[in-house]
Amino acid sequence: MARLSGRTALVTGGGRGIGRSIALAFARAGAKVAVGSRTKKELDSVEKEIRDAGSEGLALVYDALDREAIQRTVAAAIDRFGRLDIVVNNVGGVYYDKLQDILALSSDDKLFEEHLFFNLTSAYYATRAALPQMVKQNYGRVIHIGSGYAKRGGGPMAYSAGKHGLIGMMRAMIYQVPPTITVNVLCPGWTNTKLANDYFEGAAATLGTTAAALKGQAESENVQKRIVEPDELGPMAVLIASEEGGNAITGQVISVDGGYKI
C-alpha cells in the first residue's frame, strides 16, 4: 500500500541500522527519501536500495555535530524534492569504550557535551530547520528515535540524558506547532545494529565481562528474550508518518522493542 505516495522524507543516520530500515520502509510506501550521515559509502548503498524499491533517493553527507551542516542538509532535501513532509531524527549513539563515571577524575566533560549534542541537540536543529517548510505545506511529521534508555535509568549517562531529552523536547514542541504537524518519539529497545554490537564489544572490557555475556543480558531484558531486528521499526514509522496515522497520534512515546523491561 502506497501510504506515503507524494510525500518526501529525510532520515538522519540513514546509512545503516534502524535509519536504513526506516528509509527503505518509507521508499516502499511511496515516499521520496533523503538519507544523511557522515559515511558516503553507506549512504550511496542505501540510495541505490531506495531506487531499487521504485522511489527517488538522495544521499547527503554531513557531520551531525555541526549545526550549520545540519541546517544545510535539511535545506538540500527541500531543494531537491520541493517539499519536506517527514523528518526522522535517528542519528545518535555512544562511545561505549569510553563509558563515563561522574565521580571519576578522568571523566571527559567535553565527551559528555558531544554526546548530548549528537543525541539531542542535533534533533532540535534538524527539526527547527524543517518546521517552516512543514508549516507552509500545512503538513508535517517529526519522528525522534529514542531508546529503551529514553524511559528508564541504567544506561550510559550522556546517552540517557540525550534520549530522555528527546521526550521532553517533543512534549514541549507539540504545544508550539500547528495541529497538522505531529511530533512523536519512537523507541527501540535492544536492536540488532552496529550500535548494539559496538556496545557488546566495547563495553565488555570496561565492565569486566564478555561480549557474549552482555548480549545474553540484553536478550533477557525483554519479554520475548530476543534482540529486535531493525526492519521491525519500519512499519510503525510508516504508520506515524502517514495520513492514516492521523493527526491524533502526536506527543506519544511509542515502543517497538519486544517488551523491553516491562
C-alpha atoms as a PDB file:
ATOM      1  CA  MET A   1       0.000   0.000   0.000  1.00  0.00           C
ATOM      2  CA  ALA A   2       1.447   3.383  -1.078  1.00  0.00           C
ATOM      3  CA  ARG A   3       0.657   5.097   2.214  1.00  0.00           C
ATOM      4  CA  LEU A   4       3.281   7.772   1.626  1.00  0.00           C
ATOM      5  CA  SER A   5       2.770   8.425  -2.082  1.00  0.00           C
ATOM      6  CA  GLY A   6       3.644  12.028  -2.891  1.00  0.00           C
ATOM      7  CA  ARG A   7       5.446  12.536   0.419  1.00  0.00           C
ATOM      8  CA  THR A   8       9.124  13.268   0.986  1.00  0.00           C
ATOM      9  CA  ALA A   9      11.268  12.343   3.940  1.00  0.00           C
ATOM     10  CA  LEU A  10      14.664  12.974   5.482  1.00  0.00           C
ATOM     11  CA  VAL A  11      16.152  10.251   7.686  1.00  0.00           C
ATOM     12  CA  THR A  12      19.272  11.222   9.617  1.00  0.00           C
ATOM     13  CA  GLY A  13      21.695   8.466  10.496  1.00  0.00           C
ATOM     14  CA  GLY A  14      20.211   6.739   7.463  1.00  0.00           C
ATOM     15  CA  GLY A  15      23.233   4.809   6.247  1.00  0.00           C
ATOM     16  CA  ARG A  16      22.688   1.680   8.310  1.00  0.00           C
ATOM     17  CA  GLY A  17      20.699   0.002  11.051  1.00  0.00           C
ATOM     18  CA  ILE A  18      17.377   1.486  12.094  1.00  0.00           C
ATOM     19  CA  GLY A  19      17.780   4.571   9.888  1.00  0.00           C
ATOM     20  CA  ARG A  20      18.332   2.461   6.791  1.00  0.00           C
ATOM     21  CA  SER A  21      15.360   0.229   7.608  1.00  0.00           C
ATOM     22  CA  ILE A  22      13.037   3.202   8.103  1.00  0.00           C
ATOM     23  CA  ALA A  23      14.275   4.884   4.922  1.00  0.00           C
ATOM     24  CA  LEU A  24      13.578   1.736   2.888  1.00  0.00           C
ATOM     25  CA  ALA A  25      10.172   1.268   4.508  1.00  0.00           C
ATOM     26  CA  PHE A  26       9.304   4.831   3.503  1.00  0.00           C
ATOM     27  CA  ALA A  27      10.508   4.195  -0.052  1.00  0.00           C
ATOM     28  CA  ARG A  28       8.429   1.026  -0.349  1.00  0.00           C
ATOM     29  CA  ALA A  29       5.436   3.039   0.898  1.00  0.00           C
ATOM     30  CA  GLY A  30       5.909   5.510  -1.953  1.00  0.00           C
ATOM     31  CA  ALA A  31       7.917   8.366  -0.400  1.00  0.00           C
ATOM     32  CA  LYS A  32      10.967  10.059  -1.862  1.00  0.00           C
ATOM     33  CA  VAL A  33      13.701   9.725   0.740  1.00  0.00           C
ATOM     34  CA  ALA A  34      16.847  11.678   1.576  1.00  0.00           C
ATOM     35  CA  VAL A  35      19.279   9.907   3.877  1.00  0.00           C
ATOM     36  CA  GLY A  36      22.020  11.690   5.774  1.00  0.00           C
ATOM     37  CA  SER A  37      25.093  10.635   7.734  1.00  0.00           C
ATOM     38  CA  ARG A  38      28.850  11.084   7.633  1.00  0.00           C
ATOM     39  CA  THR A  39      29.684   7.877   5.721  1.00  0.00           C
ATOM     40  CA  LYS A  40      29.265   8.316   1.960  1.00  0.00           C
ATOM     41  CA  LYS A  41      29.730   4.666   1.044  1.00  0.00           C
ATOM     42  CA  GLU A  42      26.859   3.577   3.294  1.00  0.00           C
ATOM     43  CA  LEU A  43      24.603   6.374   2.068  1.00  0.00           C
ATOM     44  CA  ASP A  44      25.267   5.570  -1.575  1.00  0.00           C
ATOM     45  CA  SER A  45      24.301   1.955  -0.910  1.00  0.00           C
ATOM     46  CA  VAL A  46      21.024   2.979   0.752  1.00  0.00           C
ATOM     47  CA  GLU A  47      20.254   5.447  -2.031  1.00  0.00           C
ATOM     48  CA  LYS A  48      20.592   2.595  -4.535  1.00  0.00           C
ATOM     49  CA  GLU A  49      18.280   0.435  -2.423  1.00  0.00           C
ATOM     50  CA  ILE A  50      15.728   3.262  -2.405  1.00  0.00           C
ATOM     51  CA  ARG A  51      15.883   3.428  -6.204  1.00  0.00           C
ATOM     52  CA  ASP A  52      15.582  -0.352  -6.415  1.00  0.00           C
ATOM     53  CA  ALA A  53      12.406  -0.032  -4.327  1.00  0.00           C
ATOM     54  CA  GLY A  54      10.983   2.174  -7.080  1.00  0.00           C
ATOM     55  CA  SER A  55      11.417   5.557  -5.435  1.00  0.00           C
ATOM     56  CA  GLU A  56      13.767   8.532  -5.582  1.00  0.00           C
ATOM     57  CA  GLY A  57      16.642   8.798  -3.125  1.00  0.00           C
ATOM     58  CA  LEU A  58      19.179  11.401  -2.119  1.00  0.00           C
ATOM     59  CA  ALA A  59      22.413  10.786  -0.204  1.00  0.00           C
ATOM     60  CA  LEU A  60      23.583  13.705   1.953  1.00  0.00           C
ATOM     61  CA  VAL A  61      26.938  13.512   3.714  1.00  0.00           C
ATOM     62  CA  TYR A  62      27.145  15.729   6.788  1.00  0.00           C
ATOM     63  CA  ASP A  63      28.502  15.959  10.328  1.00  0.00           C
ATOM     64  CA  ALA A  64      25.731  15.712  12.932  1.00  0.00           C
ATOM     65  CA  LEU A  65      27.920  17.622  15.409  1.00  0.00           C
ATOM     66  CA  ASP A  66      27.893  20.676  13.132  1.00  0.00           C
ATOM     67  CA  ARG A  67      24.824  22.935  13.484  1.00  0.00           C
ATOM     68  CA  GLU A  68      25.295  24.636  10.119  1.00  0.00           C
ATOM     69  CA  ALA A  69      25.856  21.299   8.368  1.00  0.00           C
ATOM     70  CA  ILE A  70      22.565  20.032   9.800  1.00  0.00           C
ATOM     71  CA  GLN A  71      20.744  23.098   8.502  1.00  0.00           C
ATOM     72  CA  ARG A  72      22.342  22.729   5.053  1.00  0.00           C
ATOM     73  CA  THR A  73      21.297  19.088   4.923  1.00  0.00           C
ATOM     74  CA  VAL A  74      17.646  19.898   5.585  1.00  0.00           C
ATOM     75  CA  ALA A  75      17.785  22.696   3.015  1.00  0.00           C
ATOM     76  CA  ALA A  76      19.299  20.335   0.438  1.00  0.00           C
ATOM     77  CA  ALA A  77      16.451  17.837   0.896  1.00  0.00           C
ATOM     78  CA  ILE A  78      13.858  20.605   0.448  1.00  0.00           C
ATOM     79  CA  ASP A  79      15.688  21.966  -2.584  1.00  0.00           C
ATOM     80  CA  ARG A  80      15.807  18.534  -4.234  1.00  0.00           C
ATOM     81  CA  PHE A  81      12.227  17.460  -3.574  1.00  0.00           C
ATOM     82  CA  GLY A  82      10.458  20.817  -3.372  1.00  0.00           C
ATOM     83  CA  ARG A  83       8.900  19.949  -0.011  1.00  0.00           C
ATOM     84  CA  LEU A  84       9.677  18.024   3.153  1.00  0.00           C
ATOM     85  CA  ASP A  85       6.882  16.120   4.859  1.00  0.00           C
ATOM     86  CA  ILE A  86       8.708  13.813   7.259  1.00  0.00           C
ATOM     87  CA  VAL A  87      11.853  14.186   9.356  1.00  0.00           C
ATOM     88  CA  VAL A  88      13.197  11.195  11.247  1.00  0.00           C
ATOM     89  CA  ASN A  89      15.856  12.217  13.754  1.00  0.00           C
ATOM     90  CA  ASN A  90      17.610   8.885  14.004  1.00  0.00           C
ATOM     91  CA  VAL A  91      21.224   9.996  14.314  1.00  0.00           C
ATOM     92  CA  GLY A  92      22.721   9.195  17.711  1.00  0.00           C
ATOM     93  CA  GLY A  93      24.843   6.776  19.638  1.00  0.00           C
ATOM     94  CA  VAL A  94      27.517   6.470  22.281  1.00  0.00           C
ATOM     95  CA  TYR A  95      31.198   5.584  22.517  1.00  0.00           C
ATOM     96  CA  TYR A  96      30.811   2.525  24.689  1.00  0.00           C
ATOM     97  CA  ASP A  97      34.560   2.124  25.092  1.00  0.00           C
ATOM     98  CA  LYS A  98      34.555   5.493  26.902  1.00  0.00           C
ATOM     99  CA  LEU A  99      31.784   4.957  29.431  1.00  0.00           C
ATOM    100  CA  GLN A 100      31.646   7.855  31.855  1.00  0.00           C
ATOM    101  CA  ASP A 101      31.635   7.810  35.628  1.00  0.00           C
ATOM    102  CA  ILE A 102      30.639  11.199  37.017  1.00  0.00           C
ATOM    103  CA  LEU A 103      32.743  10.550  40.133  1.00  0.00           C
ATOM    104  CA  ALA A 104      35.893   9.705  38.174  1.00  0.00           C
ATOM    105  CA  LEU A 105      38.501  12.464  37.986  1.00  0.00           C
ATOM    106  CA  SER A 106      39.360  11.279  34.491  1.00  0.00           C
ATOM    107  CA  SER A 107      35.794  11.729  33.218  1.00  0.00           C
ATOM    108  CA  ASP A 108      35.785  13.706  29.952  1.00  0.00           C
ATOM    109  CA  ASP A 109      33.368  16.643  30.224  1.00  0.00           C
ATOM    110  CA  LYS A 110      33.762  17.513  26.541  1.00  0.00           C
ATOM    111  CA  LEU A 111      32.721  13.967  25.634  1.00  0.00           C
ATOM    112  CA  PHE A 112      29.530  14.409  27.667  1.00  0.00           C
ATOM    113  CA  GLU A 113      28.683  17.583  25.759  1.00  0.00           C
ATOM    114  CA  GLU A 114      29.361  15.915  22.396  1.00  0.00           C
ATOM    115  CA  HIS A 115      27.075  13.016  23.277  1.00  0.00           C
ATOM    116  CA  LEU A 116      24.324  15.415  24.317  1.00  0.00           C
ATOM    117  CA  PHE A 117      24.617  17.335  21.043  1.00  0.00           C
ATOM    118  CA  PHE A 118      24.720  14.122  18.996  1.00  0.00           C
ATOM    119  CA  ASN A 119      21.660  12.552  20.611  1.00  0.00           C
ATOM    120  CA  LEU A 120      19.514  15.599  21.409  1.00  0.00           C
ATOM    121  CA  THR A 121      20.657  18.961  20.086  1.00  0.00           C
ATOM    122  CA  SER A 122      21.167  17.678  16.548  1.00  0.00           C
ATOM    123  CA  ALA A 123      17.482  16.646  16.500  1.00  0.00           C
ATOM    124  CA  TYR A 124      16.499  20.151  17.611  1.00  0.00           C
ATOM    125  CA  TYR A 125      18.419  21.809  14.782  1.00  0.00           C
ATOM    126  CA  ALA A 126      17.121  19.411  12.110  1.00  0.00           C
ATOM    127  CA  THR A 127      13.539  19.882  13.277  1.00  0.00           C
ATOM    128  CA  ARG A 128      13.886  23.647  13.581  1.00  0.00           C
ATOM    129  CA  ALA A 129      15.201  23.815  10.008  1.00  0.00           C
ATOM    130  CA  ALA A 130      12.340  21.688   8.671  1.00  0.00           C
ATOM    131  CA  LEU A 131       9.394  23.233  10.512  1.00  0.00           C
ATOM    132  CA  PRO A 132       8.982  26.408   8.380  1.00  0.00           C
ATOM    133  CA  GLN A 133       8.523  24.221   5.295  1.00  0.00           C
ATOM    134  CA  MET A 134       6.074  21.970   7.136  1.00  0.00           C
ATOM    135  CA  VAL A 135       4.052  24.972   8.301  1.00  0.00           C
ATOM    136  CA  LYS A 136       3.990  26.301   4.732  1.00  0.00           C
ATOM    137  CA  GLN A 137       2.706  22.922   3.485  1.00  0.00           C
ATOM    138  CA  ASN A 138       0.233  22.612   6.343  1.00  0.00           C
ATOM    139  CA  TYR A 139       1.535  19.061   6.913  1.00  0.00           C
ATOM    140  CA  GLY A 140       4.458  17.545   8.759  1.00  0.00           C
ATOM    141  CA  ARG A 141       5.597  14.506  10.668  1.00  0.00           C
ATOM    142  CA  VAL A 142       8.558  14.650  13.063  1.00  0.00           C
ATOM    143  CA  ILE A 143       9.756  11.346  14.489  1.00  0.00           C
ATOM    144  CA  HIS A 144      12.567  11.291  17.044  1.00  0.00           C
ATOM    145  CA  ILE A 145      14.222   7.896  17.523  1.00  0.00           C
ATOM    146  CA  GLY A 146      14.593   7.363  21.237  1.00  0.00           C
ATOM    147  CA  SER A 147      15.774   4.304  23.122  1.00  0.00           C
ATOM    148  CA  GLY A 148      14.844   1.997  25.938  1.00  0.00           C
ATOM    149  CA  TYR A 149      17.054   4.342  27.954  1.00  0.00           C
ATOM    150  CA  ALA A 150      14.804   7.273  26.986  1.00  0.00           C
ATOM    151  CA  LYS A 151      12.274   5.987  29.534  1.00  0.00           C
ATOM    152  CA  ARG A 152      14.325   4.464  32.342  1.00  0.00           C
ATOM    153  CA  GLY A 153      17.722   4.518  34.006  1.00  0.00           C
ATOM    154  CA  GLY A 154      20.665   2.177  33.829  1.00  0.00           C
ATOM    155  CA  GLY A 155      22.253   3.364  30.607  1.00  0.00           C
ATOM    156  CA  PRO A 156      25.320   5.467  29.830  1.00  0.00           C
ATOM    157  CA  MET A 157      24.872   8.889  31.417  1.00  0.00           C
ATOM    158  CA  ALA A 158      25.221  11.251  28.450  1.00  0.00           C
ATOM    159  CA  TYR A 159      23.358   8.931  26.074  1.00  0.00           C
ATOM    160  CA  SER A 160      20.480   8.516  28.533  1.00  0.00           C
ATOM    161  CA  ALA A 161      20.317  12.252  29.175  1.00  0.00           C
ATOM    162  CA  GLY A 162      20.064  12.929  25.447  1.00  0.00           C
ATOM    163  CA  LYS A 163      17.412  10.289  24.828  1.00  0.00           C
ATOM    164  CA  HIS A 164      15.337  11.418  27.823  1.00  0.00           C
ATOM    165  CA  GLY A 165      15.700  14.938  26.459  1.00  0.00           C
ATOM    166  CA  LEU A 166      14.058  13.925  23.168  1.00  0.00           C
ATOM    167  CA  ILE A 167      10.869  13.110  25.060  1.00  0.00           C
ATOM    168  CA  GLY A 168      10.888  16.398  26.947  1.00  0.00           C
ATOM    169  CA  MET A 169      11.600  18.358  23.776  1.00  0.00           C
ATOM    170  CA  MET A 170       8.801  16.548  21.933  1.00  0.00           C
ATOM    171  CA  ARG A 171       6.299  17.243  24.712  1.00  0.00           C
ATOM    172  CA  ALA A 172       7.153  20.948  24.681  1.00  0.00           C
ATOM    173  CA  MET A 173       7.208  21.155  20.892  1.00  0.00           C
ATOM    174  CA  ILE A 174       3.703  19.798  20.306  1.00  0.00           C
ATOM    175  CA  TYR A 175       2.246  22.838  22.085  1.00  0.00           C
ATOM    176  CA  GLN A 176       4.018  25.161  19.640  1.00  0.00           C
ATOM    177  CA  VAL A 177       3.288  23.597  16.235  1.00  0.00           C
ATOM    178  CA  PRO A 178       0.029  23.580  14.265  1.00  0.00           C
ATOM    179  CA  PRO A 179      -2.223  20.511  14.677  1.00  0.00           C
ATOM    180  CA  THR A 180      -1.366  19.433  11.133  1.00  0.00           C
ATOM    181  CA  ILE A 181       2.193  18.710  12.321  1.00  0.00           C
ATOM    182  CA  THR A 182       2.743  15.767  14.635  1.00  0.00           C
ATOM    183  CA  VAL A 183       5.768  15.012  16.787  1.00  0.00           C
ATOM    184  CA  ASN A 184       6.422  11.613  18.346  1.00  0.00           C
ATOM    185  CA  VAL A 185       9.257   9.575  19.827  1.00  0.00           C
ATOM    186  CA  LEU A 186       9.713   6.032  18.535  1.00  0.00           C
ATOM    187  CA  CYS A 187      11.701   3.916  20.986  1.00  0.00           C
ATOM    188  CA  PRO A 188      13.520   0.728  20.045  1.00  0.00           C
ATOM    189  CA  GLY A 189      14.999  -1.453  22.739  1.00  0.00           C
ATOM    190  CA  TRP A 190      17.985  -3.672  22.078  1.00  0.00           C
ATOM    191  CA  THR A 191      18.146  -3.885  18.284  1.00  0.00           C
ATOM    192  CA  ASN A 192      20.475  -5.843  16.032  1.00  0.00           C
ATOM    193  CA  THR A 193      22.547  -2.893  14.828  1.00  0.00           C
ATOM    194  CA  LYS A 194      26.183  -1.843  14.721  1.00  0.00           C
ATOM    195  CA  LEU A 195      25.485   0.369  17.742  1.00  0.00           C
ATOM    196  CA  ALA A 196      24.429  -2.620  19.829  1.00  0.00           C
ATOM    197  CA  ASN A 197      27.293  -4.786  18.609  1.00  0.00           C
ATOM    198  CA  ASP A 198      29.765  -1.987  19.340  1.00  0.00           C
ATOM    199  CA  TYR A 199      28.376  -1.893  22.874  1.00  0.00           C
ATOM    200  CA  PHE A 200      28.864  -5.618  23.410  1.00  0.00           C
ATOM    201  CA  GLU A 201      32.451  -5.404  22.172  1.00  0.00           C
ATOM    202  CA  GLY A 202      33.466  -2.002  23.543  1.00  0.00           C
ATOM    203  CA  ALA A 203      31.879  -2.166  26.979  1.00  0.00           C
ATOM    204  CA  ALA A 204      32.924  -5.730  27.797  1.00  0.00           C
ATOM    205  CA  ALA A 205      36.435  -4.844  28.954  1.00  0.00           C
ATOM    206  CA  THR A 206      35.290  -1.687  30.736  1.00  0.00           C
ATOM    207  CA  LEU A 207      32.648  -3.622  32.662  1.00  0.00           C
ATOM    208  CA  GLY A 208      34.833  -6.668  33.289  1.00  0.00           C
ATOM    209  CA  THR A 209      32.742  -9.136  31.310  1.00  0.00           C
ATOM    210  CA  THR A 210      32.445 -10.595  27.799  1.00  0.00           C
ATOM    211  CA  ALA A 211      30.583  -9.507  24.690  1.00  0.00           C
ATOM    212  CA  ALA A 212      28.620 -12.775  24.737  1.00  0.00           C
ATOM    213  CA  ALA A 213      27.544 -12.196  28.326  1.00  0.00           C
ATOM    214  CA  LEU A 214      26.380  -8.659  27.571  1.00  0.00           C
ATOM    215  CA  LYS A 215      24.402  -9.857  24.571  1.00  0.00           C
ATOM    216  CA  GLY A 216      22.780 -12.568  26.696  1.00  0.00           C
ATOM    217  CA  GLN A 217      21.844  -9.969  29.304  1.00  0.00           C
ATOM    218  CA  ALA A 218      20.328  -7.778  26.585  1.00  0.00           C
ATOM    219  CA  GLU A 219      18.249 -10.692  25.296  1.00  0.00           C
ATOM    220  CA  SER A 220      16.981 -11.395  28.803  1.00  0.00           C
ATOM    221  CA  GLU A 221      15.733  -7.828  29.292  1.00  0.00           C
ATOM    222  CA  ASN A 222      12.643  -8.092  27.105  1.00  0.00           C
ATOM    223  CA  VAL A 223       9.725 -10.457  27.441  1.00  0.00           C
ATOM    224  CA  GLN A 224      10.426 -12.123  24.099  1.00  0.00           C
ATOM    225  CA  LYS A 225      14.003 -12.951  25.156  1.00  0.00           C
ATOM    226  CA  ARG A 226      15.481 -11.676  21.935  1.00  0.00           C
ATOM    227  CA  ILE A 227      17.043  -8.687  20.235  1.00  0.00           C
ATOM    228  CA  VAL A 228      14.702  -6.886  17.829  1.00  0.00           C
ATOM    229  CA  GLU A 229      15.611  -6.554  14.132  1.00  0.00           C
ATOM    230  CA  PRO A 230      15.865  -3.052  12.567  1.00  0.00           C
ATOM    231  CA  ASP A 231      13.224  -3.854   9.949  1.00  0.00           C
ATOM    232  CA  GLU A 232      10.647  -4.218  12.718  1.00  0.00           C
ATOM    233  CA  LEU A 233      10.756  -0.440  13.279  1.00  0.00           C
ATOM    234  CA  GLY A 234       9.834   0.445   9.692  1.00  0.00           C
ATOM    235  CA  PRO A 235       6.096  -0.386   9.692  1.00  0.00           C
ATOM    236  CA  MET A 236       5.434   1.701  12.811  1.00  0.00           C
ATOM    237  CA  ALA A 237       7.411   4.628  11.390  1.00  0.00           C
ATOM    238  CA  VAL A 238       5.351   4.439   8.184  1.00  0.00           C
ATOM    239  CA  LEU A 239       2.107   4.477  10.173  1.00  0.00           C
ATOM    240  CA  ILE A 240       3.152   7.508  12.245  1.00  0.00           C
ATOM    241  CA  ALA A 241       4.296   9.320   9.093  1.00  0.00           C
ATOM    242  CA  SER A 242       1.134   8.608   7.105  1.00  0.00           C
ATOM    243  CA  GLU A 243      -2.211  10.326   6.827  1.00  0.00           C
ATOM    244  CA  GLU A 244      -3.727   7.064   8.045  1.00  0.00           C
ATOM    245  CA  GLY A 245      -1.844   7.585  11.283  1.00  0.00           C
ATOM    246  CA  GLY A 246      -3.769  10.804  11.587  1.00  0.00           C
ATOM    247  CA  ASN A 247      -3.078  13.985  13.469  1.00  0.00           C
ATOM    248  CA  ALA A 248      -4.306  12.385  16.703  1.00  0.00           C
ATOM    249  CA  ILE A 249      -1.080  10.395  17.098  1.00  0.00           C
ATOM    250  CA  THR A 250       1.131  13.132  18.499  1.00  0.00           C
ATOM    251  CA  GLY A 251       3.089  13.709  21.666  1.00  0.00           C
ATOM    252  CA  GLN A 252       3.463   9.961  22.097  1.00  0.00           C
ATOM    253  CA  VAL A 253       6.324   7.715  23.181  1.00  0.00           C
ATOM    254  CA  ILE A 254       5.831   4.553  21.140  1.00  0.00           C
ATOM    255  CA  SER A 255       7.961   1.471  21.766  1.00  0.00           C
ATOM    256  CA  VAL A 256       8.848  -1.241  19.265  1.00  0.00           C
ATOM    257  CA  ASP A 257      11.130  -3.256  21.500  1.00  0.00           C
ATOM    258  CA  GLY A 258       9.824  -6.766  22.102  1.00  0.00           C
ATOM    259  CA  GLY A 259       8.595  -5.776  25.570  1.00  0.00           C
ATOM    260  CA  TYR A 260      11.773  -4.206  26.972  1.00  0.00           C
ATOM    261  CA  LYS A 261      11.796  -4.127  30.799  1.00  0.00           C
ATOM    262  CA  ILE A 262       8.016  -4.191  31.102  1.00  0.00           C
END
